[in-house]
Structure formats: structure tokens, C-alpha cells
Amino acid sequence: MEENIMKKLFAVFVSVAVVGVLVAACYAKDKGPSGEALFKEHCAVCHPDGGNIINAKFALHEKDLKAQGITKPEDIVNKMRNPGPGMTKFDQKTISDKDASKIAEYVLKTFK
């Protein structure tokens, strides 16, 4: 009888573990693409390795961003929405606010 209880407890444990893994997988899937993936998709062509193929003074490295008054993610999103000459405008239909924020955070974290 004790062996039967142990088998049932083990089955419950395995079931809970499987459900936990499935929930975690669904949660990760709901997050969508990473900032890095979005940057590669939308930005890397003109900003390889944080540079700028159009105008080097508008690179994405920390010192270049600070020189433009860009210090936080919202500043980068604003620049994406209202760029200067030579940069593609990324409206909310092209890149959602959530994804634009992911890109901005990636840029600030990566190109120091």
C-alpha cells in the first residue's frame, strides 16, 4: 500500500513538473522576439555593430548617443518614430511600442 502511495505521489510530481514546463514555454513564446532579434531585423543593415553606414556621428555607441542627448530607451524610441534625414521612420504599424522598447533597451545595453 505504501508503494502505491509513492507511485501516485511521483505521478503527481511529474504532472506538476510537466505543466510548469508548458506554462513557462507559453510565457516565453508570448514575449515575442528579443530586442537583439528585432534589432537585427530592422536596424542592423544601417547600424552594423552599433555603427552608422549613412552618418558615423549618429552611431549607436554610448558616447555618440549621449552627444545627441539620447540617454534612455524612450529617447531611442522617439528617434525611431521621428528620425532625422537619412533614417527610415519606424511607425507603430511597422514596430510596436513594445518591440521598439525592446530594441532601445538592447541598444543601450549592447553598444557601450
PDB file of N, CA and C in Angstrom:
ATOM      1  N   MET A   1       0.828  -1.187   0.000  1.00  0.00           N
ATOM      2  CA  MET A   1       0.000   0.000   0.000  1.00  0.00           C
ATOM      3  C   MET A   1       0.876   1.255   0.000  1.00  0.00           C
ATOM      4  N   GLU A   2       1.944   1.281   0.766  1.00  0.00           N
ATOM      5  CA  GLU A   2       2.846   2.426   0.803  1.00  0.00           C
ATOM      6  C   GLU A   2       3.488   2.654  -0.567  1.00  0.00           C
ATOM      7  N   GLU A   3       3.807   1.573  -1.253  1.00  0.00           N
ATOM      8  CA  GLU A   3       4.392   1.671  -2.597  1.00  0.00           C
ATOM      9  C   GLU A   3       3.406   2.320  -3.563  1.00  0.00           C
ATOM     10  N   ASN A   4       2.136   2.008  -3.430  1.00  0.00           N
ATOM     11  CA  ASN A   4       1.093   2.576  -4.274  1.00  0.00           C
ATOM     12  C   ASN A   4       0.991   4.092  -4.050  1.00  0.00           C
ATOM     13  N   ILE A   5       1.078   4.523  -2.813  1.00  0.00           N
ATOM     14  CA  ILE A   5       1.032   5.958  -2.491  1.00  0.00           C
ATOM     15  C   ILE A   5       2.238   6.662  -3.093  1.00  0.00           C
ATOM     16  N   MET A   6       3.391   6.051  -2.995  1.00  0.00           N
ATOM     17  CA  MET A   6       4.619   6.635  -3.561  1.00  0.00           C
ATOM     18  C   MET A   6       4.489   6.789  -5.076  1.00  0.00           C
ATOM     19  N   LYS A   7       3.926   5.795  -5.740  1.00  0.00           N
ATOM     20  CA  LYS A   7       3.731   5.868  -7.191  1.00  0.00           C
ATOM     21  C   LYS A   7       2.782   7.019  -7.543  1.00  0.00           C
ATOM     22  N   LYS A   8       1.719   7.169  -6.761  1.00  0.00           N
ATOM     23  CA  LYS A   8       0.768   8.250  -7.015  1.00  0.00           C
ATOM     24  C   LYS A   8       1.410   9.613  -6.778  1.00  0.00           C
ATOM     25  N   LEU A   9       2.173   9.744  -5.709  1.00  0.00           N
ATOM     26  CA  LEU A   9       2.868  10.999  -5.431  1.00  0.00           C
ATOM     27  C   LEU A   9       3.864  11.331  -6.547  1.00  0.00           C
ATOM     28  N   PHE A  10       4.571  10.315  -7.011  1.00  0.00           N
ATOM     29  CA  PHE A  10       5.520  10.524  -8.109  1.00  0.00           C
ATOM     30  C   PHE A  10       4.782  10.976  -9.369  1.00  0.00           C
ATOM     31  N   ALA A  11       3.646  10.354  -9.659  1.00  0.00           N
ATOM     32  CA  ALA A  11       2.856  10.727 -10.836  1.00  0.00           C
ATOM     33  C   ALA A  11       2.370  12.172 -10.721  1.00  0.00           C
ATOM     34  N   VAL A  12       1.944  12.571  -9.543  1.00  0.00           N
ATOM     35  CA  VAL A  12       1.505  13.954  -9.319  1.00  0.00           C
ATOM     36  C   VAL A  12       2.690  14.901  -9.519  1.00  0.00           C
ATOM     37  N   PHE A  13       3.828  14.557  -8.953  1.00  0.00           N
ATOM     38  CA  PHE A  13       5.031  15.383  -9.091  1.00  0.00           C
ATOM     39  C   PHE A  13       5.397  15.565 -10.572  1.00  0.00           C
ATOM     40  N   VAL A  14       5.413  14.491 -11.315  1.00  0.00           N
ATOM     41  CA  VAL A  14       5.755  14.557 -12.744  1.00  0.00           C
ATOM     42  C   VAL A  14       4.733  15.409 -13.486  1.00  0.00           C
ATOM     43  N   SER A  15       3.469  15.246 -13.181  1.00  0.00           N
ATOM     44  CA  SER A  15       2.415  16.034 -13.839  1.00  0.00           C
ATOM     45  C   SER A  15       2.587  17.521 -13.572  1.00  0.00           C
ATOM     46  N   VAL A  16       2.861  17.872 -12.323  1.00  0.00           N
ATOM     47  CA  VAL A  16       3.060  19.275 -11.965  1.00  0.00           C
ATOM     48  C   VAL A  16       4.290  19.829 -12.690  1.00  0.00           C
ATOM     49  N   ALA A  17       5.350  19.057 -12.757  1.00  0.00           N
ATOM     50  CA  ALA A  17       6.568  19.494 -13.440  1.00  0.00           C
ATOM     51  C   ALA A  17       6.306  19.727 -14.929  1.00  0.00           C
ATOM     52  N   VAL A  18       5.581  18.839 -15.558  1.00  0.00           N
ATOM     53  CA  VAL A  18       5.267  18.979 -16.982  1.00  0.00           C
ATOM     54  C   VAL A  18       4.419  20.225 -17.216  1.00  0.00           C
ATOM     55  N   VAL A  19       3.422  20.438 -16.394  1.00  0.00           N
ATOM     56  CA  VAL A  19       2.582  21.630 -16.530  1.00  0.00           C
ATOM     57  C   VAL A  19       3.436  22.885 -16.361  1.00  0.00           C
ATOM     58  N   GLY A  20       4.344  22.882 -15.387  1.00  0.00           N
ATOM     59  CA  GLY A  20       5.225  24.026 -15.182  1.00  0.00           C
ATOM     60  C   GLY A  20       6.069  24.325 -16.397  1.00  0.00           C
ATOM     61  N   VAL A  21       6.614  23.309 -17.011  1.00  0.00           N
ATOM     62  CA  VAL A  21       7.429  23.492 -18.223  1.00  0.00           C
ATOM     63  C   VAL A  21       6.573  24.045 -19.349  1.00  0.00           C
ATOM     64  N   LEU A  22       5.378  23.528 -19.511  1.00  0.00           N
ATOM     65  CA  LEU A  22       4.487  24.022 -20.574  1.00  0.00           C
ATOM     66  C   LEU A  22       4.090  25.472 -20.347  1.00  0.00           C
ATOM     67  N   VAL A  23       3.795  25.835 -19.117  1.00  0.00           N
ATOM     68  CA  VAL A  23       3.433  27.223 -18.810  1.00  0.00           C
ATOM     69  C   VAL A  23       4.618  28.140 -19.089  1.00  0.00           C
ATOM     70  N   ALA A  24       5.795  27.729 -18.681  1.00  0.00           N
ATOM     71  CA  ALA A  24       6.996  28.539 -18.932  1.00  0.00           C
ATOM     72  C   ALA A  24       7.234  28.703 -20.429  1.00  0.00           C
ATOM     73  N   ALA A  25       7.040  27.649 -21.191  1.00  0.00           N
ATOM     74  CA  ALA A  25       7.235  27.729 -22.643  1.00  0.00           C
ATOM     75  C   ALA A  25       6.223  28.674 -23.272  1.00  0.00           C
ATOM     76  N   CYS A  26       4.993  28.613 -22.831  1.00  0.00           N
ATOM     77  CA  CYS A  26       3.970  29.520 -23.364  1.00  0.00           C
ATOM     78  C   CYS A  26       4.282  30.961 -22.997  1.00  0.00           C
ATOM     79  N   TYR A  27       4.728  31.190 -21.776  1.00  0.00           N
ATOM     80  CA  TYR A  27       5.060  32.540 -21.341  1.00  0.00           C
ATOM     81  C   TYR A  27       6.201  33.101 -22.180  1.00  0.00           C
ATOM     82  N   ALA A  28       7.225  32.310 -22.407  1.00  0.00           N
ATOM     83  CA  ALA A  28       8.357  32.766 -23.211  1.00  0.00           C
ATOM     84  C   ALA A  28       7.902  33.060 -24.634  1.00  0.00           C
ATOM     85  N   LYS A  29       7.014  32.250 -25.145  1.00  0.00           N
ATOM     86  CA  LYS A  29       6.518  32.452 -26.506  1.00  0.00           C
ATOM     87  C   LYS A  29       5.727  33.755 -26.611  1.00  0.00           C
ATOM     88  N   ASP A  30       4.964  34.085 -25.570  1.00  0.00           N
ATOM     89  CA  ASP A  30       4.158  35.299 -25.584  1.00  0.00           C
ATOM     90  C   ASP A  30       5.003  36.564 -25.571  1.00  0.00           C
ATOM     91  N   LYS A  31       6.251  36.452 -25.113  1.00  0.00           N
ATOM     92  CA  LYS A  31       7.119  37.617 -25.057  1.00  0.00           C
ATOM     93  C   LYS A  31       7.511  38.100 -26.448  1.00  0.00           C
ATOM     94  N   GLY A  32       7.434  37.230 -27.420  1.00  0.00           N
ATOM     95  CA  GLY A  32       7.797  37.613 -28.782  1.00  0.00           C
ATOM     96  C   GLY A  32       9.298  37.655 -28.969  1.00  0.00           C
ATOM     97  N   PRO A  33       9.735  38.218 -30.092  1.00  0.00           N
ATOM     98  CA  PRO A  33      11.161  38.240 -30.398  1.00  0.00           C
ATOM     99  C   PRO A  33      11.944  39.119 -29.419  1.00  0.00           C
ATOM    100  N   SER A  34      13.194  38.796 -29.255  1.00  0.00           N
ATOM    101  CA  SER A  34      14.059  39.565 -28.358  1.00  0.00           C
ATOM    102  C   SER A  34      14.449  40.893 -28.994  1.00  0.00           C
ATOM    103  N   GLY A  35      14.972  41.789 -28.164  1.00  0.00           N
ATOM    104  CA  GLY A  35      15.474  43.062 -28.676  1.00  0.00           C
ATOM    105  C   GLY A  35      16.581  42.850 -29.695  1.00  0.00           C
ATOM    106  N   GLU A  36      17.430  41.869 -29.429  1.00  0.00           N
ATOM    107  CA  GLU A  36      18.512  41.570 -30.363  1.00  0.00           C
ATOM    108  C   GLU A  36      17.962  41.119 -31.714  1.00  0.00           C
ATOM    109  N   ALA A  37      16.983  40.217 -31.706  1.00  0.00           N
ATOM    110  CA  ALA A  37      16.393  39.730 -32.953  1.00  0.00           C
ATOM    111  C   ALA A  37      15.713  40.868 -33.714  1.00  0.00           C
ATOM    112  N   LEU A  38      15.000  41.725 -32.992  1.00  0.00           N
ATOM    113  CA  LEU A  38      14.323  42.859 -33.626  1.00  0.00           C
ATOM    114  C   LEU A  38      15.337  43.845 -34.197  1.00  0.00           C
ATOM    115  N   PHE A  39      16.427  44.090 -33.468  1.00  0.00           N
ATOM    116  CA  PHE A  39      17.479  44.980 -33.953  1.00  0.00           C
ATOM    117  C   PHE A  39      18.065  44.425 -35.252  1.00  0.00           C
ATOM    118  N   LYS A  40      18.355  43.137 -35.262  1.00  0.00           N
ATOM    119  CA  LYS A  40      18.926  42.513 -36.467  1.00  0.00           C
ATOM    120  C   LYS A  40      17.961  42.622 -37.643  1.00  0.00           C
ATOM    121  N   GLU A  41      16.682  42.483 -37.366  1.00  0.00           N
ATOM    122  CA  GLU A  41      15.671  42.537 -38.428  1.00  0.00           C
ATOM    123  C   GLU A  41      15.479  43.950 -38.986  1.00  0.00           C
ATOM    124  N   HIS A  42      15.433  44.945 -38.117  1.00  0.00           N
ATOM    125  CA  HIS A  42      15.045  46.287 -38.541  1.00  0.00           C
ATOM    126  C   HIS A  42      16.180  47.312 -38.608  1.00  0.00           C
ATOM    127  N   CYS A  43      17.254  47.095 -37.869  1.00  0.00           N
ATOM    128  CA  CYS A  43      18.248  48.161 -37.681  1.00  0.00           C
ATOM    129  C   CYS A  43      19.661  47.833 -38.150  1.00  0.00           C
ATOM    130  N   ALA A  44      20.034  46.566 -38.068  1.00  0.00           N
ATOM    131  CA  ALA A  44      21.436  46.180 -38.278  1.00  0.00           C
ATOM    132  C   ALA A  44      21.962  46.502 -39.672  1.00  0.00           C
ATOM    133  N   VAL A  45      21.100  46.588 -40.658  1.00  0.00           N
ATOM    134  CA  VAL A  45      21.564  46.892 -42.012  1.00  0.00           C
ATOM    135  C   VAL A  45      22.261  48.255 -42.045  1.00  0.00           C
ATOM    136  N   CYS A  46      21.683  49.229 -41.400  1.00  0.00           N
ATOM    137  CA  CYS A  46      22.273  50.577 -41.368  1.00  0.00           C
ATOM    138  C   CYS A  46      23.165  50.798 -40.149  1.00  0.00           C
ATOM    139  N   HIS A  47      22.977  49.985 -39.106  1.00  0.00           N
ATOM    140  CA  HIS A  47      23.726  50.154 -37.858  1.00  0.00           C
ATOM    141  C   HIS A  47      24.500  48.881 -37.502  1.00  0.00           C
ATOM    142  N   PRO A  48      25.352  48.381 -38.409  1.00  0.00           N
ATOM    143  CA  PRO A  48      26.097  47.160 -38.071  1.00  0.00           C
ATOM    144  C   PRO A  48      27.032  47.419 -36.889  1.00  0.00           C
ATOM    145  N   ASP A  49      27.003  46.516 -35.939  1.00  0.00           N
ATOM    146  CA  ASP A  49      27.833  46.623 -34.735  1.00  0.00           C
ATOM    147  C   ASP A  49      27.680  47.972 -34.033  1.00  0.00           C
ATOM    148  N   GLY A  50      26.507  48.580 -34.151  1.00  0.00           N
ATOM    149  CA  GLY A  50      26.238  49.847 -33.479  1.00  0.00           C
ATOM    150  C   GLY A  50      26.754  51.067 -34.222  1.00  0.00           C
ATOM    151  N   GLY A  51      27.311  50.861 -35.391  1.00  0.00           N
ATOM    152  CA  GLY A  51      27.802  51.984 -36.186  1.00  0.00           C
ATOM    153  C   GLY A  51      26.673  52.645 -36.953  1.00  0.00           C
ATOM    154  N   ASN A  52      27.023  53.369 -38.003  1.00  0.00           N
ATOM    155  CA  ASN A  52      26.024  54.003 -38.861  1.00  0.00           C
ATOM    156  C   ASN A  52      26.650  54.153 -40.241  1.00  0.00           C
ATOM    157  N   ILE A  53      26.098  53.458 -41.230  1.00  0.00           N
ATOM    158  CA  ILE A  53      26.681  53.488 -42.574  1.00  0.00           C
ATOM    159  C   ILE A  53      26.347  54.765 -43.334  1.00  0.00           C
ATOM    160  N   ILE A  54      25.365  55.522 -42.866  1.00  0.00           N
ATOM    161  CA  ILE A  54      24.964  56.760 -43.526  1.00  0.00           C
ATOM    162  C   ILE A  54      25.759  57.951 -42.970  1.00  0.00           C
ATOM    163  N   ASN A  55      25.815  58.042 -41.632  1.00  0.00           N
ATOM    164  CA  ASN A  55      26.494  59.161 -40.980  1.00  0.00           C
ATOM    165  C   ASN A  55      27.101  58.668 -39.667  1.00  0.00           C
ATOM    166  N   ALA A  56      28.417  58.526 -39.646  1.00  0.00           N
ATOM    167  CA  ALA A  56      29.111  57.931 -38.500  1.00  0.00           C
ATOM    168  C   ALA A  56      28.853  58.663 -37.183  1.00  0.00           C
ATOM    169  N   LYS A  57      28.548  59.942 -37.222  1.00  0.00           N
ATOM    170  CA  LYS A  57      28.324  60.649 -35.957  1.00  0.00           C
ATOM    171  C   LYS A  57      26.988  60.280 -35.306  1.00  0.00           C
ATOM    172  N   PHE A  58      26.158  59.567 -36.021  1.00  0.00           N
ATOM    173  CA  PHE A  58      24.890  59.095 -35.467  1.00  0.00           C
ATOM    174  C   PHE A  58      24.928  57.590 -35.192  1.00  0.00           C
ATOM    175  N   ALA A  59      26.082  57.116 -34.757  1.00  0.00           N
ATOM    176  CA  ALA A  59      26.229  55.708 -34.371  1.00  0.00           C
ATOM    177  C   ALA A  59      25.453  55.468 -33.071  1.00  0.00           C
ATOM    178  N   LEU A  60      25.365  54.225 -32.686  1.00  0.00           N
ATOM    179  CA  LEU A  60      24.567  53.847 -31.517  1.00  0.00           C
ATOM    180  C   LEU A  60      25.404  53.568 -30.279  1.00  0.00           C
ATOM    181  N   HIS A  61      26.664  53.901 -30.314  1.00  0.00           N
ATOM    182  CA  HIS A  61      27.522  53.708 -29.151  1.00  0.00           C
ATOM    183  C   HIS A  61      27.193  54.773 -28.109  1.00  0.00           C
ATOM    184  N   GLU A  62      27.407  54.418 -26.862  1.00  0.00           N
ATOM    185  CA  GLU A  62      27.004  55.279 -25.743  1.00  0.00           C
ATOM    186  C   GLU A  62      27.454  56.733 -25.909  1.00  0.00           C
ATOM    187  N   LYS A  63      28.709  56.948 -26.267  1.00  0.00           N
ATOM    188  CA  LYS A  63      29.217  58.331 -26.392  1.00  0.00           C
ATOM    189  C   LYS A  63      28.517  59.078 -27.527  1.00  0.00           C
ATOM    190  N   ASP A  64      28.197  58.371 -28.612  1.00  0.00           N
ATOM    191  CA  ASP A  64      27.505  59.005 -29.737  1.00  0.00           C
ATOM    192  C   ASP A  64      26.063  59.351 -29.372  1.00  0.00           C
ATOM    193  N   LEU A  65      25.408  58.438 -28.665  1.00  0.00           N
ATOM    194  CA  LEU A  65      24.028  58.702 -28.236  1.00  0.00           C
ATOM    195  C   LEU A  65      23.975  59.869 -27.264  1.00  0.00           C
ATOM    196  N   LYS A  66      24.895  59.876 -26.295  1.00  0.00           N
ATOM    197  CA  LYS A  66      24.916  60.977 -25.319  1.00  0.00           C
ATOM    198  C   LYS A  66      25.159  62.314 -25.999  1.00  0.00           C
ATOM    199  N   ALA A  67      25.983  62.326 -27.031  1.00  0.00           N
ATOM    200  CA  ALA A  67      26.250  63.564 -27.768  1.00  0.00           C
ATOM    201  C   ALA A  67      24.977  64.107 -28.422  1.00  0.00           C
ATOM    202  N   GLN A  68      24.018  63.216 -28.671  1.00  0.00           N
ATOM    203  CA  GLN A  68      22.737  63.615 -29.269  1.00  0.00           C
ATOM    204  C   GLN A  68      21.653  63.814 -28.205  1.00  0.00           C
ATOM    205  N   GLY A  69      22.027  63.673 -26.942  1.00  0.00           N
ATOM    206  CA  GLY A  69      21.045  63.818 -25.866  1.00  0.00           C
ATOM    207  C   GLY A  69      20.184  62.591 -25.679  1.00  0.00           C
ATOM    208  N   ILE A  70      20.632  61.457 -26.168  1.00  0.00           N
ATOM    209  CA  ILE A  70      19.879  60.210 -26.058  1.00  0.00           C
ATOM    210  C   ILE A  70      20.504  59.387 -24.937  1.00  0.00           C
ATOM    211  N   THR A  71      19.741  59.226 -23.840  1.00  0.00           N
ATOM    212  CA  THR A  71      20.288  58.539 -22.670  1.00  0.00           C
ATOM    213  C   THR A  71      19.384  57.440 -22.123  1.00  0.00           C
ATOM    214  N   LYS A  72      18.145  57.375 -22.585  1.00  0.00           N
ATOM    215  CA  LYS A  72      17.215  56.370 -22.064  1.00  0.00           C
ATOM    216  C   LYS A  72      16.423  55.747 -23.216  1.00  0.00           C
ATOM    217  N   PRO A  73      15.805  54.586 -22.951  1.00  0.00           N
ATOM    218  CA  PRO A  73      15.078  53.892 -24.017  1.00  0.00           C
ATOM    219  C   PRO A  73      14.043  54.765 -24.728  1.00  0.00           C
ATOM    220  N   GLU A  74      13.336  55.607 -23.974  1.00  0.00           N
ATOM    221  CA  GLU A  74      12.301  56.452 -24.588  1.00  0.00           C
ATOM    222  C   GLU A  74      12.895  57.391 -25.641  1.00  0.00           C
ATOM    223  N   ASP A  75      14.128  57.832 -25.409  1.00  0.00           N
ATOM    224  CA  ASP A  75      14.791  58.711 -26.380  1.00  0.00           C
ATOM    225  C   ASP A  75      15.032  57.984 -27.703  1.00  0.00           C
ATOM    226  N   ILE A  76      15.420  56.722 -27.604  1.00  0.00           N
ATOM    227  CA  ILE A  76      15.669  55.939 -28.821  1.00  0.00           C
ATOM    228  C   ILE A  76      14.356  55.676 -29.545  1.00  0.00           C
ATOM    229  N   VAL A  77      13.317  55.318 -28.802  1.00  0.00           N
ATOM    230  CA  VAL A  77      12.005  55.086 -29.435  1.00  0.00           C
ATOM    231  C   VAL A  77      11.541  56.363 -30.124  1.00  0.00           C
ATOM    232  N   ASN A  78      11.716  57.506 -29.489  1.00  0.00           N
ATOM    233  CA  ASN A  78      11.332  58.782 -30.104  1.00  0.00           C
ATOM    234  C   ASN A  78      12.102  59.012 -31.406  1.00  0.00           C
ATOM    235  N   LYS A  79      13.386  58.678 -31.409  1.00  0.00           N
ATOM    236  CA  LYS A  79      14.196  58.837 -32.623  1.00  0.00           C
ATOM    237  C   LYS A  79      13.723  57.877 -33.715  1.00  0.00           C
ATOM    238  N   MET A  80      13.299  56.681 -33.325  1.00  0.00           N
ATOM    239  CA  MET A  80      12.768  55.726 -34.305  1.00  0.00           C
ATOM    240  C   MET A  80      11.471  56.256 -34.927  1.00  0.00           C
ATOM    241  N   ARG A  81      10.664  56.911 -34.109  1.00  0.00           N
ATOM    242  CA  ARG A  81       9.377  57.422 -34.576  1.00  0.00           C
ATOM    243  C   ARG A  81       9.522  58.741 -35.350  1.00  0.00           C
ATOM    244  N   ASN A  82      10.533  59.526 -35.001  1.00  0.00           N
ATOM    245  CA  ASN A  82      10.746  60.838 -35.616  1.00  0.00           C
ATOM    246  C   ASN A  82      12.228  61.009 -35.969  1.00  0.00           C
ATOM    247  N   PRO A  83      12.703  60.264 -36.961  1.00  0.00           N
ATOM    248  CA  PRO A  83      14.130  60.299 -37.276  1.00  0.00           C
ATOM    249  C   PRO A  83      14.523  61.553 -38.058  1.00  0.00           C
ATOM    250  N   GLY A  84      15.801  61.734 -38.118  1.00  0.00           N
ATOM    251  CA  GLY A  84      16.315  62.820 -38.937  1.00  0.00           C
ATOM    252  C   GLY A  84      16.519  62.358 -40.371  1.00  0.00           C
ATOM    253  N   PRO A  85      17.094  63.226 -41.203  1.00  0.00           N
ATOM    254  CA  PRO A  85      17.340  62.872 -42.603  1.00  0.00           C
ATOM    255  C   PRO A  85      18.229  61.635 -42.721  1.00  0.00           C
ATOM    256  N   GLY A  86      17.877  60.764 -43.636  1.00  0.00           N
ATOM    257  CA  GLY A  86      18.677  59.580 -43.914  1.00  0.00           C
ATOM    258  C   GLY A  86      18.258  58.340 -43.154  1.00  0.00           C
ATOM    259  N   MET A  87      17.379  58.499 -42.151  1.00  0.00           N
ATOM    260  CA  MET A  87      16.948  57.332 -41.374  1.00  0.00           C
ATOM    261  C   MET A  87      15.499  56.998 -41.689  1.00  0.00           C
ATOM    262  N   THR A  88      15.243  55.712 -41.801  1.00  0.00           N
ATOM    263  CA  THR A  88      13.880  55.225 -42.026  1.00  0.00           C
ATOM    264  C   THR A  88      13.021  55.526 -40.807  1.00  0.00           C
ATOM    265  N   LYS A  89      11.794  55.960 -41.053  1.00  0.00           N
ATOM    266  CA  LYS A  89      10.845  56.190 -39.957  1.00  0.00           C
ATOM    267  C   LYS A  89      10.144  54.874 -39.641  1.00  0.00           C
ATOM    268  N   PHE A  90      10.159  54.502 -38.369  1.00  0.00           N
ATOM    269  CA  PHE A  90       9.507  53.275 -37.924  1.00  0.00           C
ATOM    270  C   PHE A  90       8.274  53.641 -37.117  1.00  0.00           C
ATOM    271  N   ASP A  91       7.104  53.605 -37.776  1.00  0.00           N
ATOM    272  CA  ASP A  91       5.862  53.931 -37.076  1.00  0.00           C
ATOM    273  C   ASP A  91       5.382  52.724 -36.269  1.00  0.00           C
ATOM    274  N   GLN A  92       4.285  52.907 -35.534  1.00  0.00           N
ATOM    275  CA  GLN A  92       3.770  51.844 -34.676  1.00  0.00           C
ATOM    276  C   GLN A  92       3.241  50.654 -35.450  1.00  0.00           C
ATOM    277  N   LYS A  93       2.873  50.847 -36.703  1.00  0.00           N
ATOM    278  CA  LYS A  93       2.439  49.715 -37.527  1.00  0.00           C
ATOM    279  C   LYS A  93       3.631  48.841 -37.907  1.00  0.00           C
ATOM    280  N   THR A  94       4.772  49.476 -38.118  1.00  0.00           N
ATOM    281  CA  THR A  94       5.975  48.743 -38.514  1.00  0.00           C
ATOM    282  C   THR A  94       6.620  48.056 -37.318  1.00  0.00           C
ATOM    283  N   ILE A  95       6.770  48.802 -36.228  1.00  0.00           N
ATOM    284  CA  ILE A  95       7.349  48.267 -34.991  1.00  0.00           C
ATOM    285  C   ILE A  95       6.487  48.756 -33.832  1.00  0.00           C
ATOM    286  N   SER A  96       5.891  47.820 -33.122  1.00  0.00           N
ATOM    287  CA  SER A  96       5.025  48.191 -31.993  1.00  0.00           C
ATOM    288  C   SER A  96       5.834  48.913 -30.914  1.00  0.00           C
ATOM    289  N   ASP A  97       5.143  49.604 -30.034  1.00  0.00           N
ATOM    290  CA  ASP A  97       5.821  50.283 -28.925  1.00  0.00           C
ATOM    291  C   ASP A  97       6.595  49.283 -28.063  1.00  0.00           C
ATOM    292  N   LYS A  98       6.003  48.123 -27.831  1.00  0.00           N
ATOM    293  CA  LYS A  98       6.657  47.091 -27.027  1.00  0.00           C
ATOM    294  C   LYS A  98       7.963  46.651 -27.692  1.00  0.00           C
ATOM    295  N   ASP A  99       7.913  46.381 -28.990  1.00  0.00           N
ATOM    296  CA  ASP A  99       9.114  45.947 -29.703  1.00  0.00           C
ATOM    297  C   ASP A  99      10.132  47.072 -29.844  1.00  0.00           C
ATOM    298  N   ALA A 100       9.671  48.293 -30.041  1.00  0.00           N
ATOM    299  CA  ALA A 100      10.584  49.435 -30.117  1.00  0.00           C
ATOM    300  C   ALA A 100      11.333  49.597 -28.791  1.00  0.00           C
ATOM    301  N   SER A 101      10.639  49.387 -27.695  1.00  0.00           N
ATOM    302  CA  SER A 101      11.284  49.462 -26.379  1.00  0.00           C
ATOM    303  C   SER A 101      12.316  48.353 -26.206  1.00  0.00           C
ATOM    304  N   LYS A 102      12.005  47.170 -26.707  1.00  0.00           N
ATOM    305  CA  LYS A 102      12.970  46.071 -26.641  1.00  0.00           C
ATOM    306  C   LYS A 102      14.239  46.424 -27.427  1.00  0.00           C
ATOM    307  N   ILE A 103      14.066  47.005 -28.606  1.00  0.00           N
ATOM    308  CA  ILE A 103      15.213  47.418 -29.416  1.00  0.00           C
ATOM    309  C   ILE A 103      16.026  48.459 -28.661  1.00  0.00           C
ATOM    310  N   ALA A 104      15.343  49.451 -28.112  1.00  0.00           N
ATOM    311  CA  ALA A 104      16.023  50.538 -27.402  1.00  0.00           C
ATOM    312  C   ALA A 104      16.826  50.004 -26.217  1.00  0.00           C
ATOM    313  N   GLU A 105      16.242  49.121 -25.456  1.00  0.00           N
ATOM    314  CA  GLU A 105      16.945  48.543 -24.310  1.00  0.00           C
ATOM    315  C   GLU A 105      18.150  47.729 -24.768  1.00  0.00           C
ATOM    316  N   TYR A 106      17.978  46.995 -25.851  1.00  0.00           N
ATOM    317  CA  TYR A 106      19.087  46.223 -26.414  1.00  0.00           C
ATOM    318  C   TYR A 106      20.230  47.150 -26.832  1.00  0.00           C
ATOM    319  N   VAL A 107      19.908  48.238 -27.513  1.00  0.00           N
ATOM    320  CA  VAL A 107      20.925  49.186 -27.976  1.00  0.00           C
ATOM    321  C   VAL A 107      21.708  49.753 -26.785  1.00  0.00           C
ATOM    322  N   LEU A 108      21.006  50.206 -25.766  1.00  0.00           N
ATOM    323  CA  LEU A 108      21.665  50.805 -24.609  1.00  0.00           C
ATOM    324  C   LEU A 108      22.528  49.796 -23.852  1.00  0.00           C
ATOM    325  N   LYS A 109      22.093  48.559 -23.829  1.00  0.00           N
ATOM    326  CA  LYS A 109      22.826  47.518 -23.108  1.00  0.00           C
ATOM    327  C   LYS A 109      24.038  47.016 -23.913  1.00  0.00           C
ATOM    328  N   THR A 110      23.923  47.017 -25.223  1.00  0.00           N
ATOM    329  CA  THR A 110      24.914  46.351 -26.068  1.00  0.00           C
ATOM    330  C   THR A 110      26.050  47.243 -26.549  1.00  0.00           C
ATOM    331  N   PHE A 111      25.741  48.452 -26.957  1.00  0.00           N
ATOM    332  CA  PHE A 111      26.745  49.294 -27.621  1.00  0.00           C
ATOM    333  C   PHE A 111      27.321  50.328 -26.666  1.00  0.00           C
ATOM    334  N   LYS A 112      28.024  49.857 -25.660  1.00  0.00           N
ATOM    335  CA  LYS A 112      28.624  50.744 -24.645  1.00  0.00           C
ATOM    336  C   LYS A 112      29.933  51.322 -25.119  1.00  0.00           C
TER     337      LYS A 112
END
